[in-house]
Protein backbone atom coordinates (compact mmCIF):
# COMPACT_ATOMS: atom_id res chain seq x y z
CA UNK A 1 -17.36 -34.47 -18.65
CA UNK A 2 -16.15 -37.62 -20.31
CA UNK A 3 -17.67 -40.61 -18.55
CA UNK A 4 -18.82 -41.89 -21.96
CA UNK A 5 -21.52 -43.80 -20.42
CA UNK A 6 -24.95 -44.74 -21.15
CA UNK A 7 -24.79 -45.77 -17.53
CA UNK A 8 -24.74 -42.08 -16.65
CA UNK A 9 -28.50 -42.39 -16.82
CA UNK A 10 -28.17 -43.56 -13.24
CA UNK A 11 -26.52 -40.25 -12.45
CA UNK A 12 -28.30 -37.65 -14.56
CA UNK A 13 -31.57 -39.31 -15.70
CA UNK A 14 -33.06 -39.25 -19.17
CA UNK A 15 -34.11 -35.92 -20.56
CA UNK A 16 -31.80 -33.70 -18.53
CA UNK A 17 -29.84 -31.08 -20.46
CA UNK A 18 -26.20 -30.28 -19.77
CA UNK A 19 -24.29 -27.00 -19.61
CA UNK A 20 -20.69 -25.99 -19.33
CA UNK A 21 -19.38 -26.83 -15.87
CA UNK A 22 -18.32 -24.01 -13.59
CA UNK A 23 -15.50 -26.07 -12.11
CA UNK A 24 -13.75 -29.40 -12.67
CA UNK A 25 -16.19 -32.19 -11.96
CA UNK A 26 -15.06 -34.61 -9.27
CA UNK A 27 -16.97 -37.89 -9.09
CA UNK A 28 -16.97 -40.24 -6.14
CA UNK A 29 -18.51 -43.54 -5.09
CA UNK A 30 -21.81 -41.94 -4.10
CA UNK A 31 -22.40 -40.82 -7.70
CA UNK A 32 -22.48 -44.48 -8.73
CA UNK A 33 -24.71 -45.76 -5.93
CA UNK A 34 -21.73 -47.40 -4.23
CA UNK A 35 -21.26 -47.62 -0.48
CA UNK A 36 -18.32 -48.57 1.67
CA UNK A 37 -14.62 -48.95 0.70
CA UNK A 38 -15.22 -49.82 -2.97
CA UNK A 39 -12.01 -50.18 -4.97
CA UNK A 40 -13.57 -50.91 -8.35
CA UNK A 41 -16.95 -51.58 -9.93
CA UNK A 42 -17.48 -53.30 -13.28
CA UNK A 43 -20.90 -52.95 -14.90
CA UNK A 44 -21.81 -55.49 -17.58
CA UNK A 45 -23.97 -53.94 -20.31
CA UNK A 46 -25.54 -54.98 -23.60
CA UNK A 47 -22.84 -53.06 -25.51
CA UNK A 48 -19.82 -54.13 -23.46
CA UNK A 49 -18.78 -53.08 -19.99
CA UNK A 50 -18.12 -50.05 -17.83
CA UNK A 51 -15.41 -50.10 -15.17
CA UNK A 52 -14.76 -47.52 -12.46
CA UNK A 53 -11.79 -47.39 -10.10
CA UNK A 54 -11.63 -45.31 -6.91
CA UNK A 55 -9.03 -44.29 -4.34
CA UNK A 56 -9.51 -45.07 -0.65
CA UNK A 57 -11.23 -41.72 -0.08
CA UNK A 58 -13.77 -42.59 -2.78
CA UNK A 59 -12.64 -40.25 -5.59
CA UNK A 60 -12.89 -41.62 -9.13
CA UNK A 61 -9.42 -42.39 -10.52
CA UNK A 62 -10.24 -44.12 -13.79
CA UNK A 63 -13.22 -45.02 -15.96
CA UNK A 64 -13.23 -47.52 -18.81
CA UNK A 65 -15.91 -48.02 -21.46
CA UNK A 66 -15.23 -51.20 -23.44
CA UNK A 67 -17.20 -51.96 -26.61
CA UNK A 68 -14.92 -54.81 -27.71
CA UNK A 69 -11.36 -56.03 -27.14
CA UNK A 70 -10.11 -53.46 -29.68
CA UNK A 71 -12.57 -50.57 -29.22
CA UNK A 72 -12.61 -48.83 -25.84
CA UNK A 73 -12.24 -45.47 -24.08
CA UNK A 74 -10.32 -44.69 -20.90
CA UNK A 75 -10.41 -41.58 -18.71
CA UNK A 76 -7.76 -40.92 -16.06
CA UNK A 77 -8.28 -38.42 -13.21
CA UNK A 78 -5.39 -36.89 -11.28
CA UNK A 79 -5.70 -34.81 -8.11
CA UNK A 80 -3.67 -32.56 -5.85
CA UNK A 81 -5.13 -33.19 -2.42
CA UNK A 82 -8.86 -33.16 -3.19
CA UNK A 83 -8.69 -30.84 -6.23
CA UNK A 84 -8.87 -32.24 -9.76
CA UNK A 85 -5.83 -31.00 -11.69
CA UNK A 86 -5.81 -33.20 -14.78
CA UNK A 87 -8.13 -35.39 -16.84
CA UNK A 88 -7.01 -37.46 -19.80
CA UNK A 89 -9.52 -38.93 -22.26
CA UNK A 90 -7.98 -41.70 -24.37
CA UNK A 91 -9.78 -43.35 -27.30
CA UNK A 92 -8.73 -46.66 -28.85
CA UNK A 93 -10.13 -47.89 -32.16
CA UNK A 94 -9.20 -51.19 -33.83
CA UNK A 95 -6.61 -51.67 -31.11
CA UNK A 96 -4.80 -48.41 -31.91
CA UNK A 97 -4.64 -45.19 -29.92
CA UNK A 98 -6.58 -42.43 -31.75
CA UNK A 99 -4.72 -39.17 -31.13
CA UNK A 100 -7.21 -37.02 -33.03
CA UNK A 101 -10.13 -37.83 -30.71
CA UNK A 102 -8.15 -38.09 -27.45
CA UNK A 103 -7.80 -35.03 -25.22
CA UNK A 104 -5.98 -33.85 -22.13
CA UNK A 105 -7.60 -31.35 -19.76
CA UNK A 106 -5.41 -29.35 -17.35
CA UNK A 107 -6.86 -27.26 -14.52
CA UNK A 108 -5.14 -24.51 -12.60
CA UNK A 109 -6.14 -21.62 -10.34
CA UNK A 110 -4.75 -18.12 -10.71
CA UNK A 111 -3.35 -17.66 -7.21
CA UNK A 112 -2.53 -13.98 -7.79
CA UNK A 113 -6.15 -13.09 -7.02
CA UNK A 114 -8.04 -13.42 -3.74
CA UNK A 115 -10.61 -15.61 -5.51
CA UNK A 116 -8.46 -16.94 -8.30
CA UNK A 117 -9.78 -17.55 -11.81
CA UNK A 118 -10.07 -21.20 -12.74
CA UNK A 119 -8.32 -21.97 -16.02
CA UNK A 120 -8.98 -25.13 -18.05
CA UNK A 121 -6.67 -25.96 -20.97
CA UNK A 122 -7.80 -28.59 -23.46
CA UNK A 123 -5.31 -30.11 -25.91
CA UNK A 124 -5.80 -32.96 -28.37
CA UNK A 125 -3.04 -35.57 -28.41
CA UNK A 126 -2.21 -34.74 -32.04
CA UNK A 127 -1.84 -31.06 -31.00
CA UNK A 128 -4.31 -29.99 -33.71
CA UNK A 129 -6.98 -28.76 -31.32
CA UNK A 130 -6.29 -26.45 -28.41
CA UNK A 131 -8.77 -24.57 -26.29
CA UNK A 132 -8.69 -22.57 -23.07
CA UNK A 133 -11.63 -21.81 -20.80
CA UNK A 134 -11.34 -19.26 -18.00
CA UNK A 135 -13.96 -19.14 -15.24
CA UNK A 136 -14.11 -15.79 -13.43
CA UNK A 137 -15.73 -15.47 -10.01
CA UNK A 138 -17.73 -12.58 -8.61
CA UNK A 139 -17.18 -11.06 -5.17
CA UNK A 140 -19.25 -13.73 -3.38
CA UNK A 141 -17.67 -16.73 -5.07
CA UNK A 142 -20.11 -17.38 -7.94
CA UNK A 143 -19.01 -17.86 -11.54
CA UNK A 144 -19.79 -14.54 -13.23
CA UNK A 145 -18.00 -14.87 -16.59
CA UNK A 146 -16.74 -17.75 -18.74
CA UNK A 147 -14.26 -16.96 -21.51
CA UNK A 148 -13.61 -19.65 -24.13
CA UNK A 149 -10.63 -19.14 -26.48
CA UNK A 150 -10.32 -21.46 -29.48
CA UNK A 151 -9.10 -21.36 -33.07
CA UNK A 152 -12.45 -20.06 -34.31
CA UNK A 153 -12.26 -17.09 -31.97
CA UNK A 154 -13.33 -16.02 -28.48
CA UNK A 155 -16.72 -16.67 -26.89
CA UNK A 156 -17.65 -14.92 -23.67
CA UNK A 157 -20.48 -15.96 -21.40
CA UNK A 158 -21.78 -13.52 -18.81
CA UNK A 159 -23.95 -14.87 -15.99
CA UNK A 160 -26.49 -12.49 -14.44
CA UNK A 161 -28.15 -13.28 -11.11
CA UNK A 162 -31.46 -11.99 -9.78
CA UNK A 163 -33.26 -13.01 -6.59
CA UNK A 164 -36.83 -12.60 -5.40
CA UNK A 165 -37.93 -14.04 -2.04
CA UNK A 166 -36.67 -17.68 -2.07
CA UNK A 167 -36.31 -17.77 -5.85
CA UNK A 168 -33.05 -17.18 -7.75
CA UNK A 169 -32.62 -16.86 -11.51
CA UNK A 170 -29.34 -17.12 -13.44
CA UNK A 171 -29.20 -15.93 -17.06
CA UNK A 172 -26.36 -17.02 -19.35
CA UNK A 173 -25.58 -14.52 -22.11
CA UNK A 174 -23.16 -15.85 -24.76
CA UNK A 175 -21.57 -12.97 -26.65
CA UNK A 176 -24.41 -10.77 -25.43
CA UNK A 177 -27.23 -13.11 -26.48
CA UNK A 178 -29.39 -15.07 -24.06
CA UNK A 179 -28.55 -18.80 -24.34
CA UNK A 180 -29.89 -20.26 -21.10
CA UNK A 181 -31.69 -19.40 -17.88
CA UNK A 182 -31.87 -21.36 -14.64
CA UNK A 183 -34.49 -20.64 -11.98
CA UNK A 184 -34.25 -22.32 -8.58
CA UNK A 185 -36.88 -22.30 -5.86
CA UNK A 186 -38.24 -24.37 -2.98
CA UNK A 187 -41.65 -25.73 -2.06
CA UNK A 188 -42.84 -27.21 1.20
CA UNK A 189 -44.79 -30.47 0.84
CA UNK A 190 -45.91 -33.14 3.30
CA UNK A 191 -42.64 -35.07 2.92
CA UNK A 192 -40.46 -32.01 3.47
CA UNK A 193 -38.85 -29.28 1.38
CA UNK A 194 -38.65 -29.86 -2.36
CA UNK A 195 -36.04 -28.15 -4.54
CA UNK A 196 -37.20 -27.07 -7.99
CA UNK A 197 -34.93 -26.11 -10.86
CA UNK A 198 -36.28 -24.87 -14.20
CA UNK A 199 -33.79 -24.67 -17.08
CA UNK A 200 -34.68 -22.95 -20.35
CA UNK A 201 -32.51 -23.04 -23.48
CA UNK A 202 -32.48 -20.42 -26.23
CA UNK A 203 -31.06 -20.13 -29.76
CA UNK A 204 -30.26 -16.61 -30.93
CA UNK A 205 -32.39 -15.40 -28.04
CA UNK A 206 -35.43 -17.48 -29.06
CA UNK A 207 -36.76 -20.09 -26.57
CA UNK A 208 -36.26 -23.71 -27.70
CA UNK A 209 -36.89 -26.13 -24.84
CA UNK A 210 -37.08 -26.37 -21.07
CA UNK A 211 -36.58 -28.93 -18.32
CA UNK A 212 -38.06 -28.76 -14.82
CA UNK A 213 -36.39 -30.95 -12.22
CA UNK A 214 -37.75 -31.57 -8.71
CA UNK A 215 -35.67 -33.05 -5.88
CA UNK A 216 -36.89 -34.26 -2.51
CA UNK A 217 -35.50 -33.43 0.93
CA UNK A 218 -32.85 -36.16 0.44
CA UNK A 219 -31.72 -34.48 -2.81
CA UNK A 220 -33.08 -37.33 -4.96
CA UNK A 221 -34.73 -36.51 -8.27
CA UNK A 222 -38.44 -37.31 -8.00
CA UNK A 223 -39.79 -35.62 -11.11
CA UNK A 224 -38.46 -34.38 -14.46
CA UNK A 225 -40.68 -32.60 -17.02
CA UNK A 226 -39.53 -31.79 -20.56
CA UNK A 227 -41.03 -28.95 -22.59
CA UNK A 228 -40.73 -27.62 -26.12
CA UNK A 229 -41.47 -24.05 -27.22
CA UNK A 230 -44.42 -23.42 -29.53
CA UNK A 231 -43.60 -20.22 -31.48
CA UNK A 232 -47.21 -19.79 -32.63
CA UNK A 233 -48.59 -19.81 -29.10
CA UNK A 234 -45.39 -18.25 -27.70
CA UNK A 235 -45.49 -20.72 -24.83
CA UNK A 236 -43.78 -23.88 -23.62
CA UNK A 237 -45.71 -27.14 -24.03
CA UNK A 238 -45.03 -30.27 -22.02
CA UNK A 239 -43.65 -33.22 -24.00
CA UNK A 240 -43.18 -35.87 -21.32
CA UNK A 241 -42.84 -36.25 -17.58
CA UNK A 242 -40.73 -38.71 -15.57
CA UNK A 243 -41.62 -39.61 -11.98
CA UNK A 244 -39.38 -41.66 -9.68
CA UNK A 245 -40.00 -43.58 -6.46
CA UNK A 246 -37.36 -45.00 -4.11
CA UNK A 247 -37.18 -47.95 -1.73
CA UNK A 248 -36.06 -47.89 1.90
CA UNK A 249 -32.42 -48.33 0.87
CA UNK A 250 -32.64 -45.15 -1.24
CA UNK A 251 -32.50 -47.01 -4.57
CA UNK A 252 -34.89 -46.17 -7.38
CA UNK A 253 -37.78 -48.62 -7.29
CA UNK A 254 -40.13 -47.27 -9.97
CA UNK A 255 -40.05 -45.01 -13.02
CA UNK A 256 -43.29 -43.71 -14.54
CA UNK A 257 -43.21 -41.83 -17.86
CA UNK A 258 -46.20 -39.87 -19.12
CA UNK A 259 -46.21 -38.75 -22.77
CA UNK A 260 -48.33 -35.76 -23.78
CA UNK A 261 -50.09 -34.48 -26.86
CA UNK A 262 -52.01 -31.26 -27.42
CA UNK A 263 -55.78 -31.64 -27.66
CA UNK A 264 -58.10 -28.64 -28.04
CA UNK A 265 -55.20 -26.41 -27.06
CA UNK A 266 -54.50 -28.29 -23.82
CA UNK A 267 -51.92 -30.96 -22.97
CA UNK A 268 -53.35 -34.44 -22.53
CA UNK A 269 -51.61 -37.67 -21.54
CA UNK A 270 -51.47 -39.92 -24.59
CA UNK A 271 -49.49 -42.84 -23.17
CA UNK A 272 -48.00 -44.00 -19.87
CA UNK A 273 -45.17 -46.48 -19.38
CA UNK A 274 -43.85 -47.91 -16.12
CA UNK A 275 -40.73 -49.73 -15.02
CA UNK A 276 -40.02 -51.35 -11.69
CA UNK A 277 -36.54 -52.10 -10.40
CA UNK A 278 -35.65 -55.10 -8.24
CA UNK A 279 -32.20 -55.41 -6.68
CA UNK A 280 -30.00 -58.25 -5.49
CA UNK A 281 -27.31 -57.16 -3.04
CA UNK A 282 -23.95 -58.53 -1.93
CA UNK A 283 -24.97 -58.85 1.73
CA UNK A 284 -22.15 -56.68 3.04
CA UNK A 285 -22.49 -53.84 5.55
CA UNK A 286 -23.09 -51.41 4.02
CA UNK A 287 -24.43 -53.47 1.15
CA UNK A 288 -24.30 -52.72 -2.58
CA UNK A 289 -26.52 -54.02 -5.35
CA UNK A 290 -24.91 -56.48 -7.75
CA UNK A 291 -27.92 -57.17 -9.98
CA UNK A 292 -30.72 -54.83 -11.04
CA UNK A 293 -33.75 -56.37 -12.72
CA UNK A 294 -36.11 -54.17 -14.75
CA UNK A 295 -39.72 -55.30 -15.14
CA UNK A 296 -41.86 -55.83 -17.14
CA UNK A 297 -39.03 -55.95 -19.71
CA UNK A 298 -37.17 -58.52 -17.58
CA UNK A 299 -33.86 -56.97 -18.59
CA UNK A 300 -31.08 -56.76 -16.05
CA UNK A 301 -27.76 -55.13 -15.23
CA UNK A 302 -25.04 -56.81 -13.18
CA UNK A 303 -22.12 -55.32 -11.27
CA UNK A 304 -18.90 -56.86 -10.03
CA UNK A 305 -17.52 -54.98 -7.02
CA UNK A 306 -14.08 -55.20 -5.41
CA UNK A 307 -13.34 -53.66 -2.01
CA UNK A 308 -10.27 -52.26 -0.31
CA UNK A 309 -8.97 -54.36 2.54
CA UNK A 310 -8.84 -52.58 5.92
CA UNK A 311 -5.55 -50.90 6.72
CA UNK A 312 -3.69 -52.73 9.48
CA UNK A 313 -2.34 -50.39 12.13
CA UNK A 314 1.08 -51.29 13.51
CA UNK A 315 1.14 -51.94 17.24
CA UNK A 316 3.89 -50.17 19.24
CA UNK A 317 5.69 -53.43 20.06
CA UNK A 318 5.78 -54.40 16.38
CA UNK A 319 7.47 -51.19 15.22
CA UNK A 320 11.08 -51.57 14.04
CA UNK A 321 13.73 -50.88 16.70
CA UNK A 322 16.03 -47.91 16.25
């Protein structure tokens, strides 16, 4: 995923780990907290600006990260119907196009199979780096193997699935060695069903860190806990925990971060920080926020939003005569 953005914190939240995608990622207006027929959104930041452009259906067509007039990055997305077929990441430094750090991604499906393999080809603009990733599906449509071919050789990831009651675990073995596990489960609380995902990362089969993410019944992240592995105790220890609250419009209204330290062999909160978010909206229906104020820091983020005009349907008597 290229969206170079620090603004992706609004999408993925601090502390979340990433993993190779099982399919081309398609972003739309909802991913950027945008509602209605938004054509473009420009976010003014302390390091420059971010700009996103969408088609009428809401799919992301272009993203721009501008650090200065001469330093910026552009990503173009091309689709066939609703399927992403191409992504081009272009980097400009000192006003010049940098071929060595710019890449083109091409996606295709092997139609010779009932559930065709997804093939991603990655090529640098200077042709010095080429890579191909093949995603192979199992009989029920899940990614079962990922094969990465590059100049250094071939890496193969096998994904093993196990289920117990309402809990499912996926283990990612890279060249036969455990690299990651993902456990998903559900819990019923007063506000509804919560979805829980626990991701553990390994190096040479040894645990390194873990992230537990909890989503509410509206699929909003309400809690993220980060852990590190203590090899002496052979156990994960909590490092920090993020909790999020939302207002009636579904926008994040508060972030609470608890930092932990070990005391007498048990985790203890050492420090707590809080942020509150206040929004100014554009007054449209549906409305979008155009200014987000963060307290107590009193920092803010502003957005400039342009909308598509409604399509005008031709009346029968206004159609051209034959």
